Amino acid sequence: MLVIIFNIFYYKITFMKSLILKRVNKENIETLLFIERSLDNLKTYSPILTNEEMKESLEKCVKYIIEKDEEVVGSYSYEIKSKDNVNIGGPAILPEFQGQGIAKEITGRILEELKDYKRIDLEIHPDNLISLKLFKSFGFIVESKVENYYGDGEPRLILFKIKI
C-alpha cells in the first residue's frame, strides 16, 4: 500500500512540475487564437476569435499560455480592475487535455499570484458545471446571474471571493 501511495504522490509532484505558465506577448496571438477557436463550439464559453479582439484583450489583461511537457494545453487570463479587485478570465483548456486536473492546478497557482487582492471575481456559464465546481472548491460563491452577459444570448453567473 505504501508503494501505491508513493507512486500517486510521485505522479502528482511530477505532473505539477510539468505544467508551465508562460506570460503572453503579441508574438503569441496565433497560439491564443488557436486555443480560443478550439472552444468556439461550446455554448458555455465565449471565445475571442479575431486578432483585433485579442490585441485589445492583451492590452488590458495578463495572459498566460499553459504548457505540459513543452506542449501547449491551454491559457489563463485575468484583468486587474483596481488595486483591490481582479477579474479572472479563467482557464481555457484544449478539449483533448480537459479532465486531467490542469485547470485546478493552474487556478491554484493563479490564486496564489492574486492573493493580495481583496476581491477576485469571474463569470461562468450556469451550464458549465465543471468550472462552477472548480471555483466553488477554491471558496468562490455565486453573487448573481446576468442574462446575455457577453451579448451572445447566454447567461453568466458572477462568482466572487473576498479576502478577509
Protein backbone atom coordinates (compact mmCIF):
# COMPACT_ATOMS: atom_id res chain seq x y z
CA MET A 1 0.00 0.00 0.00
CA LEU A 2 2.88 2.36 0.76
CA VAL A 3 4.23 1.81 -2.76
CA ILE A 4 0.87 2.79 -4.29
CA ILE A 5 0.65 5.95 -2.17
CA PHE A 6 4.25 6.86 -3.06
CA ASN A 7 3.56 6.30 -6.77
CA ILE A 8 0.46 8.53 -6.65
CA PHE A 9 2.39 11.22 -4.74
CA TYR A 10 5.33 10.97 -7.16
CA TYR A 11 2.95 11.24 -10.14
CA LYS A 12 1.28 14.32 -8.64
CA ILE A 13 4.62 16.05 -7.98
CA THR A 14 5.86 15.17 -11.49
CA PHE A 15 2.59 16.33 -13.07
CA MET A 16 2.69 19.67 -11.23
CA LYS A 17 6.29 20.29 -12.25
CA SER A 18 5.49 19.57 -15.89
CA LEU A 19 2.86 22.36 -16.04
CA ILE A 20 4.43 25.66 -17.04
CA LEU A 21 2.82 29.11 -17.20
CA LYS A 22 4.35 31.39 -19.84
CA ARG A 23 3.42 35.07 -19.89
CA VAL A 24 1.93 36.03 -23.25
CA ASN A 25 3.02 38.84 -25.52
CA LYS A 26 1.94 39.93 -29.01
CA GLU A 27 4.04 37.19 -30.62
CA ASN A 28 1.74 34.58 -29.01
CA ILE A 29 -1.52 35.87 -30.52
CA GLU A 30 -1.88 33.00 -33.01
CA THR A 31 -1.40 30.42 -30.24
CA LEU A 32 -4.04 32.12 -28.10
CA LEU A 33 -6.44 32.31 -31.04
CA PHE A 34 -5.89 28.59 -31.71
CA ILE A 35 -6.86 27.80 -28.11
CA GLU A 36 -9.89 30.12 -28.23
CA ARG A 37 -11.10 28.71 -31.58
CA SER A 38 -10.84 25.15 -30.27
CA LEU A 39 -13.54 26.08 -27.74
CA ASP A 40 -15.77 28.03 -30.15
CA ASN A 41 -18.38 25.28 -30.46
CA LEU A 42 -19.25 25.38 -26.76
CA LYS A 43 -22.23 27.45 -25.65
CA THR A 44 -20.63 27.68 -22.20
CA TYR A 45 -17.59 29.59 -23.47
CA SER A 46 -17.43 32.93 -25.27
CA PRO A 47 -14.11 32.90 -27.15
CA ILE A 48 -12.04 35.73 -28.56
CA LEU A 49 -11.89 34.98 -32.28
CA THR A 50 -10.16 37.85 -34.08
CA ASN A 51 -6.66 39.35 -34.00
CA GLU A 52 -8.11 42.74 -33.13
CA GLU A 53 -10.09 41.42 -30.17
CA MET A 54 -7.04 39.51 -28.93
CA LYS A 55 -4.75 42.55 -29.23
CA GLU A 56 -7.28 44.60 -27.28
CA SER A 57 -7.53 41.88 -24.65
CA LEU A 58 -3.73 41.71 -24.34
CA GLU A 59 -3.60 45.44 -23.63
CA LYS A 60 -5.81 45.13 -20.57
CA CYS A 61 -5.28 41.56 -19.36
CA VAL A 62 -2.49 39.40 -18.01
CA LYS A 63 -2.47 36.24 -20.11
CA TYR A 64 -0.55 33.01 -19.81
CA ILE A 65 -0.10 30.05 -22.10
CA ILE A 66 -0.14 26.76 -20.21
CA GLU A 67 2.32 24.10 -21.34
CA LYS A 68 2.58 20.49 -20.25
CA ASP A 69 5.76 18.71 -21.26
CA GLU A 70 6.53 21.57 -23.68
CA GLU A 71 3.14 21.20 -25.43
CA VAL A 72 0.51 23.96 -25.36
CA VAL A 73 -2.54 22.71 -23.44
CA GLY A 74 -4.42 25.94 -22.72
CA SER A 75 -4.36 29.51 -21.49
CA TYR A 76 -5.34 31.53 -18.44
CA SER A 77 -6.03 35.23 -18.01
CA TYR A 78 -7.05 37.89 -15.56
CA GLU A 79 -7.69 41.62 -15.63
CA ILE A 80 -6.69 43.97 -12.84
CA LYS A 81 -9.73 46.20 -12.29
CA SER A 82 -8.37 48.25 -9.38
CA LYS A 83 -5.79 47.99 -6.62
CA ASP A 84 -8.25 45.80 -4.70
CA ASN A 85 -10.11 43.92 -7.46
CA VAL A 86 -9.15 41.48 -10.19
CA ASN A 87 -11.37 39.61 -12.65
CA ILE A 88 -10.35 36.11 -13.74
CA GLY A 89 -10.91 35.37 -17.42
CA GLY A 90 -10.46 31.79 -16.47
CA PRO A 91 -8.77 28.73 -17.79
CA ALA A 92 -9.22 27.76 -21.42
CA ILE A 93 -8.02 24.17 -21.72
CA LEU A 94 -7.83 22.45 -25.11
CA PRO A 95 -10.51 19.72 -25.30
CA GLU A 96 -8.02 16.84 -25.54
CA PHE A 97 -6.41 17.92 -22.24
CA GLN A 98 -9.57 18.55 -20.23
CA GLY A 99 -10.30 16.32 -17.24
CA GLN A 100 -6.63 15.96 -16.26
CA GLY A 101 -6.64 18.44 -13.36
CA ILE A 102 -4.78 21.12 -15.32
CA ALA A 103 -7.34 23.86 -14.63
CA LYS A 104 -7.36 23.03 -10.92
CA GLU A 105 -3.57 23.10 -10.61
CA ILE A 106 -3.19 26.34 -12.59
CA THR A 107 -6.10 28.04 -10.81
CA GLY A 108 -4.35 27.35 -7.52
CA ARG A 109 -1.19 28.96 -8.85
CA ILE A 110 -3.05 31.98 -10.23
CA LEU A 111 -4.94 32.49 -6.97
CA GLU A 112 -1.62 32.42 -5.12
CA GLU A 113 -0.38 35.12 -7.51
CA LEU A 114 -3.51 37.17 -6.79
CA LYS A 115 -3.54 36.65 -3.01
CA ASP A 116 -3.08 40.34 -2.20
CA TYR A 117 -6.29 41.44 -3.93
CA LYS A 118 -9.30 41.92 -1.68
CA ARG A 119 -11.85 40.81 -4.28
CA ILE A 120 -11.47 38.29 -7.09
CA ASP A 121 -14.42 37.75 -9.41
CA LEU A 122 -15.26 35.91 -12.60
CA GLU A 123 -18.11 34.95 -14.89
CA ILE A 124 -19.20 31.37 -15.65
CA HIS A 125 -21.98 30.00 -17.81
CA PRO A 126 -24.52 28.31 -15.50
CA ASP A 127 -24.28 25.09 -17.55
CA ASN A 128 -20.51 24.91 -17.09
CA LEU A 129 -20.83 22.72 -14.03
CA ILE A 130 -17.20 21.59 -14.05
CA SER A 131 -15.87 25.17 -13.85
CA LEU A 132 -18.53 26.09 -11.31
CA LYS A 133 -17.46 23.17 -9.11
CA LEU A 134 -13.78 24.07 -9.60
CA PHE A 135 -14.17 27.68 -8.48
CA LYS A 136 -16.50 26.79 -5.60
CA SER A 137 -13.77 24.39 -4.39
CA PHE A 138 -11.49 27.44 -4.11
CA GLY A 139 -14.06 29.32 -2.00
CA PHE A 140 -15.87 31.34 -4.67
CA ILE A 141 -19.58 31.95 -4.20
CA VAL A 142 -22.29 32.94 -6.66
CA GLU A 143 -23.17 36.61 -6.40
CA SER A 144 -25.69 36.97 -9.23
CA LYS A 145 -26.91 35.77 -12.60
CA VAL A 146 -26.81 38.12 -15.60
CA GLU A 147 -28.69 37.37 -18.80
CA ASN A 148 -26.90 37.89 -22.15
CA TYR A 149 -23.71 38.90 -20.32
CA TYR A 150 -21.38 38.87 -23.34
CA GLY A 151 -24.07 39.71 -25.90
CA ASP A 152 -24.09 36.10 -27.08
CA GLY A 153 -27.60 35.39 -25.82
CA GLU A 154 -26.25 33.27 -22.95
CA PRO A 155 -26.45 34.00 -19.21
CA ARG A 156 -23.47 34.06 -16.86
CA LEU A 157 -23.12 33.58 -13.14
CA ILE A 158 -20.96 36.15 -11.38
CA LEU A 159 -18.78 34.48 -8.76
CA PHE A 160 -16.55 36.20 -6.25
CA LYS A 161 -14.14 35.58 -3.44
CA ILE A 162 -13.24 38.16 -0.82
CA LYS A 163 -10.06 38.24 1.23
CA ILE A 164 -10.87 38.84 4.86
